[in-house]
Every structure is written in structure tokens, then in C-alpha cells.
């Protein structure tokens, strides 16, 4: 299911210009570097990838795109961020329409953005999480380097029952949006993250938008491999890991 509104907004935003209004950036090849605005540092470890429309701090692990930037620096929730970026870019927001699955368009847009933010959090947890040591060792044994992790967005879902759900709800998403995205679910024990204690592989469409995940357990958990459920954004039969990098 396409999300032309988010794609159109990102295509019309120069992320380095937006961030450069707050952070002094210096070009380093195709990248831009500066002092991280999210933690104190003396040497620049904050990197902006203009061509990819994302940023990452190698000091504190903070990462994201233009949507997360506005949420983190201006205290906006996703809905208000969407309105602000629509105003800045001139990209109209979709009318509230009823689709075949009875999902309002704004809810769908929020769910897609939640997938992107979940991917960034999984990667941060793999690179720096205290409980991800076994996962890092597992990947090192298979020749997976830090640069490969960052290129493909490989991550780690912690063993917390509601770690991701709690983090994303605090960022302004609703549980229903996370459920729609296939990130959370309701069980007999209450609300739970769908993925726990797994190495995570984001599954993107050809435009680089995260549509779902594949997760591999390192222990004896069953199933060993767990994919996102079928959602309005994720068709298991039509989406492959790394598809966006094969262009």
C-alpha cells in the first residue's frame, strides 16, 4: 500500500537544511557532520545523510528522519508534525476517507511512520543496548560489521514485554496505530510487543520505506523466524529484505 503523502514530503525536504538551522554542519564527502544536539560532546559524531533523508549520532545512538527530527526538537506528536511538514512543503494531507479496511488515511500514515521509528530504535538497541551483546557477537561471527548493520538497518528487539510499545506511545503514537503496523498486539496477558529477543531485519519497499520486519531468535524460542503479520502495508509474498538496496 503506497503512502504518497509521506514520500512526497520527504522528497521536498532538504534534511541537511532543516537540521542546519539548528546544528552547524560541515560537509564530509556525501555526508554532513556536526555536534549532536541531543547530548554534550566536543568532537562531532552527529551525521546527516542528505541522499537518504536520515541522521544518526554515533555518540548517543539517536537517529531518524525529518519526522522524528521535528518530534524530538519541537516536542510535536506525529499528527502535528505531519501538519507542519505539509504546510512547509505544500504537500496536501489526504482527506479522511474510509478505505476497504475501514482505516482512515491519517491512521495509515501514522502507522507507516511508526514502522520507520521502530526500525531506528531496533538498530540503536543492537548497536548500544546492554542486552544485545549476544546478538552483536552472533553477527560478528558471521562477518556482519557495524557499517553493514547501519546500511541494512539490522536491529535487536529487547526482551521487554512492552518496551517498543511504551517508547512509541510516548512519542505520540496510539496503541491502535502500532497494532495496525504489526508492531504490537493484544494477548490474554494484555498489550504486548510483537517482537521480543530477536535480531530484526527491516523489510522495505523499493522506495526504502519500512513495511514490516523479520525477526530471528538466538535461543530456543519458537518460532525461530517470525515475520510481521499481513497488514495494509506489508504483503509477505511481495516484499523482500534488501529490495530497496538492489536498485
Protein backbone atom coordinates (compact mmCIF):
# COMPACT_ATOMS: atom_id res chain seq x y z
CA UNK A 1 0.00 0.00 0.00
CA UNK A 2 1.68 3.25 -1.06
CA UNK A 3 1.93 6.31 1.18
CA UNK A 4 2.44 9.12 -1.33
CA UNK A 5 1.99 11.83 1.29
CA UNK A 6 4.99 10.79 3.40
CA UNK A 7 7.09 10.07 0.31
CA UNK A 8 6.19 13.44 -1.23
CA UNK A 9 7.01 15.33 1.97
CA UNK A 10 10.40 13.63 2.31
CA UNK A 11 11.23 14.26 -1.35
CA UNK A 12 10.58 18.01 -0.94
CA UNK A 13 12.54 18.43 2.29
CA UNK A 14 16.29 19.06 2.38
CA UNK A 15 17.06 17.42 5.71
CA UNK A 16 20.54 18.95 5.93
CA UNK A 17 18.98 22.41 5.53
CA UNK A 18 16.37 21.72 8.20
CA UNK A 19 18.93 20.38 10.68
CA UNK A 20 21.46 23.04 9.64
CA UNK A 21 19.14 25.71 11.00
CA UNK A 22 19.88 24.35 14.47
CA UNK A 23 23.20 22.50 14.11
CA UNK A 24 26.38 23.75 12.42
CA UNK A 25 27.11 21.11 9.80
CA UNK A 26 30.26 20.58 7.76
CA UNK A 27 30.38 18.52 4.61
CA UNK A 28 32.41 15.29 4.64
CA UNK A 29 32.05 13.78 1.18
CA UNK A 30 28.39 12.92 0.68
CA UNK A 31 27.71 13.33 4.40
CA UNK A 32 27.29 16.27 6.76
CA UNK A 33 28.75 16.22 10.27
CA UNK A 34 28.23 18.31 13.37
CA UNK A 35 27.97 18.29 17.15
CA UNK A 36 25.00 16.26 18.31
CA UNK A 37 22.10 18.39 19.60
CA UNK A 38 20.87 15.53 21.77
CA UNK A 39 23.89 15.14 24.06
CA UNK A 40 27.00 17.04 25.11
CA UNK A 41 30.13 16.31 23.06
CA UNK A 42 33.33 18.02 21.93
CA UNK A 43 34.01 16.03 18.76
CA UNK A 44 31.29 15.79 16.09
CA UNK A 45 29.64 12.38 15.97
CA UNK A 46 26.29 13.50 14.53
CA UNK A 47 25.97 12.57 10.85
CA UNK A 48 23.33 13.62 8.32
CA UNK A 49 22.83 11.53 5.20
CA UNK A 50 21.17 14.00 2.78
CA UNK A 51 20.68 11.49 -0.02
CA UNK A 52 18.91 9.07 2.31
CA UNK A 53 16.99 11.68 4.29
CA UNK A 54 18.15 10.45 7.68
CA UNK A 55 20.53 11.27 10.52
CA UNK A 56 22.43 9.24 13.11
CA UNK A 57 24.58 10.08 16.11
CA UNK A 58 27.41 7.64 16.72
CA UNK A 59 27.78 9.03 20.23
CA UNK A 60 24.32 8.63 21.75
CA UNK A 61 22.68 6.46 19.09
CA UNK A 62 19.93 8.93 18.24
CA UNK A 63 18.70 8.53 14.67
CA UNK A 64 15.71 9.24 12.50
CA UNK A 65 14.31 11.25 9.61
CA UNK A 66 12.65 14.63 9.18
CA UNK A 67 9.56 13.43 11.05
CA UNK A 68 11.48 12.27 14.13
CA UNK A 69 13.61 15.44 13.97
CA UNK A 70 10.55 17.66 14.40
CA UNK A 71 9.13 15.42 17.10
CA UNK A 72 12.38 15.39 19.07
CA UNK A 73 13.37 19.04 18.69
CA UNK A 74 9.97 20.73 18.78
CA UNK A 75 8.04 18.39 21.05
CA UNK A 76 5.39 17.66 18.43
CA UNK A 77 3.47 14.42 18.14
CA UNK A 78 3.21 12.69 14.78
CA UNK A 79 -0.09 14.31 13.77
CA UNK A 80 1.18 17.84 14.41
CA UNK A 81 4.49 17.04 12.70
CA UNK A 82 2.58 15.87 9.64
CA UNK A 83 0.58 19.10 9.57
CA UNK A 84 3.69 21.26 9.96
CA UNK A 85 5.60 19.47 7.20
CA UNK A 86 2.54 19.60 4.97
CA UNK A 87 2.47 23.36 5.48
CA UNK A 88 6.19 23.75 4.78
CA UNK A 89 6.26 21.62 1.66
CA UNK A 90 2.84 22.35 0.21
CA UNK A 91 2.00 18.64 0.11
CA UNK A 92 -1.73 18.32 0.85
CA UNK A 93 -2.85 15.90 3.53
CA UNK A 94 -5.33 13.22 2.49
CA UNK A 95 -8.95 13.72 3.33
CA UNK A 96 -10.42 11.45 5.97
CA UNK A 97 -11.70 8.65 3.80
CA UNK A 98 -12.99 5.19 4.53
CA UNK A 99 -10.97 2.52 2.76
CA UNK A 100 -11.71 -1.12 2.14
CA UNK A 101 -10.25 -1.99 5.57
CA UNK A 102 -12.12 0.94 7.19
CA UNK A 103 -8.80 2.59 8.03
CA UNK A 104 -8.68 6.42 7.97
CA UNK A 105 -5.80 7.69 5.85
CA UNK A 106 -4.13 9.64 8.72
CA UNK A 107 -4.02 6.48 10.83
CA UNK A 108 -2.33 4.65 7.98
CA UNK A 109 0.28 7.39 7.63
CA UNK A 110 1.00 7.27 11.35
CA UNK A 111 1.35 3.50 11.29
CA UNK A 112 3.86 3.71 8.43
CA UNK A 113 5.89 6.28 10.34
CA UNK A 114 5.77 4.07 13.43
CA UNK A 115 7.43 1.32 11.39
CA UNK A 116 10.27 3.69 10.47
CA UNK A 117 10.75 4.75 14.08
CA UNK A 118 10.64 1.15 15.28
CA UNK A 119 13.37 0.28 12.79
CA UNK A 120 15.57 3.11 14.09
CA UNK A 121 15.01 2.01 17.68
CA UNK A 122 15.84 -1.62 16.90
CA UNK A 123 19.12 -0.53 15.28
CA UNK A 124 20.03 1.67 18.26
CA UNK A 125 19.35 -1.23 20.59
CA UNK A 126 21.57 -3.57 18.58
CA UNK A 127 24.46 -1.11 18.41
CA UNK A 128 24.35 0.10 22.01
CA UNK A 129 21.84 -1.92 24.02
CA UNK A 130 23.06 -3.66 27.16
CA UNK A 131 21.03 -6.79 26.43
CA UNK A 132 22.19 -7.01 22.79
CA UNK A 133 25.67 -8.39 23.47
CA UNK A 134 24.78 -11.90 22.35
CA UNK A 135 23.21 -10.52 19.17
CA UNK A 136 26.30 -8.43 18.37
CA UNK A 137 28.54 -11.46 18.93
CA UNK A 138 26.27 -13.60 16.75
CA UNK A 139 26.50 -11.11 13.88
CA UNK A 140 30.27 -10.63 14.29
CA UNK A 141 30.79 -14.37 13.96
CA UNK A 142 29.00 -14.15 10.63
CA UNK A 143 31.12 -11.27 9.40
CA UNK A 144 28.45 -8.60 9.84
CA UNK A 145 30.16 -5.28 10.55
CA UNK A 146 28.79 -2.11 12.13
CA UNK A 147 28.65 -0.46 8.71
CA UNK A 148 26.60 -3.38 7.37
CA UNK A 149 24.25 -3.11 10.33
CA UNK A 150 23.74 0.58 9.60
CA UNK A 151 23.39 0.09 5.84
CA UNK A 152 20.70 -2.56 6.13
CA UNK A 153 19.15 -1.29 9.35
CA UNK A 154 19.61 -4.58 11.20
CA UNK A 155 18.41 -4.32 14.78
CA UNK A 156 17.59 -6.00 18.06
CA UNK A 157 14.22 -6.30 19.80
CA UNK A 158 14.81 -6.39 23.55
CA UNK A 159 13.23 -8.95 25.85
CA UNK A 160 10.86 -6.41 27.39
CA UNK A 161 7.18 -7.21 27.02
CA UNK A 162 6.18 -3.65 26.13
CA UNK A 163 9.48 -1.86 25.53
CA UNK A 164 8.80 -0.74 21.97
CA UNK A 165 5.12 -0.05 22.57
CA UNK A 166 5.86 2.15 25.58
CA UNK A 167 8.57 4.09 23.73
CA UNK A 168 6.42 4.78 20.67
CA UNK A 169 3.33 5.71 22.67
CA UNK A 170 5.47 8.26 24.50
CA UNK A 171 6.38 9.67 21.10
CA UNK A 172 2.74 10.33 20.29
CA UNK A 173 1.59 7.14 18.57
CA UNK A 174 -1.50 5.29 19.72
CA UNK A 175 -1.61 1.59 20.52
CA UNK A 176 -4.10 1.16 17.68
CA UNK A 177 -1.59 2.62 15.21
CA UNK A 178 1.10 0.24 16.45
CA UNK A 179 -1.30 -2.67 16.17
CA UNK A 180 -2.18 -1.60 12.63
CA UNK A 181 1.54 -1.54 11.79
CA UNK A 182 2.01 -5.07 13.12
CA UNK A 183 4.30 -3.90 15.93
CA UNK A 184 2.03 -4.62 18.89
CA UNK A 185 -0.80 -6.97 19.73
CA UNK A 186 -3.34 -7.78 22.41
CA UNK A 187 -2.87 -11.12 24.19
CA UNK A 188 -4.58 -12.80 27.13
CA UNK A 189 -1.94 -11.10 29.28
CA UNK A 190 -2.63 -7.63 27.89
CA UNK A 191 -0.87 -5.45 25.37
CA UNK A 192 2.48 -6.77 24.16
CA UNK A 193 5.24 -6.06 21.65
CA UNK A 194 5.04 -8.48 18.76
CA UNK A 195 8.82 -8.95 18.61
CA UNK A 196 10.98 -9.79 21.65
CA UNK A 197 14.58 -11.06 21.97
CA UNK A 198 15.14 -11.23 18.23
CA UNK A 199 17.63 -9.98 15.68
CA UNK A 200 15.49 -7.75 13.49
CA UNK A 201 15.65 -7.27 9.73
CA UNK A 202 13.56 -4.43 8.29
CA UNK A 203 11.70 -5.25 5.11
CA UNK A 204 11.40 -2.24 2.84
CA UNK A 205 9.66 -1.46 -0.41
CA UNK A 206 11.67 -0.33 -3.48
CA UNK A 207 11.47 3.27 -2.23
CA UNK A 208 13.19 2.41 1.04
CA UNK A 209 10.06 2.68 3.21
CA UNK A 210 9.91 0.13 6.03
CA UNK A 211 6.88 -2.12 5.56
CA UNK A 212 7.49 -4.89 8.06
CA UNK A 213 10.12 -6.96 9.83
CA UNK A 214 11.62 -10.40 10.01
CA UNK A 215 12.94 -11.44 13.41
CA UNK A 216 15.27 -14.33 14.31
CA UNK A 217 15.57 -15.68 17.83
CA UNK A 218 19.04 -16.67 19.05
CA UNK A 219 17.80 -19.14 21.62
CA UNK A 220 15.33 -21.99 21.61
CA UNK A 221 12.33 -19.77 21.13
CA UNK A 222 9.58 -20.85 18.79
CA UNK A 223 9.20 -19.90 16.06
CA UNK A 224 12.86 -19.35 15.20
CA UNK A 225 11.83 -16.90 12.46
CA UNK A 226 8.92 -14.51 12.95
CA UNK A 227 7.65 -12.10 10.30
CA UNK A 228 5.29 -9.17 10.57
CA UNK A 229 1.68 -10.16 10.03
CA UNK A 230 -0.11 -9.31 6.83
CA UNK A 231 -1.02 -5.61 7.08
CA UNK A 232 -2.23 -2.88 4.72
CA UNK A 233 1.47 -2.03 4.28
CA UNK A 234 3.10 -5.46 4.24
CA UNK A 235 2.47 -8.23 1.74
CA UNK A 236 4.66 -11.18 2.69
CA UNK A 237 4.63 -12.53 -0.84
CA UNK A 238 5.65 -9.25 -2.49
CA UNK A 239 8.33 -7.73 -0.24
CA UNK A 240 11.93 -8.87 0.25
CA UNK A 241 14.67 -7.90 2.70
CA UNK A 242 17.17 -5.61 0.97
CA UNK A 243 14.91 -4.98 -2.02
CA UNK A 244 15.41 -1.21 -1.79
CA UNK A 245 19.21 -1.61 -1.98
CA UNK A 246 19.06 -3.77 -5.09
CA UNK A 247 18.11 -0.88 -7.36
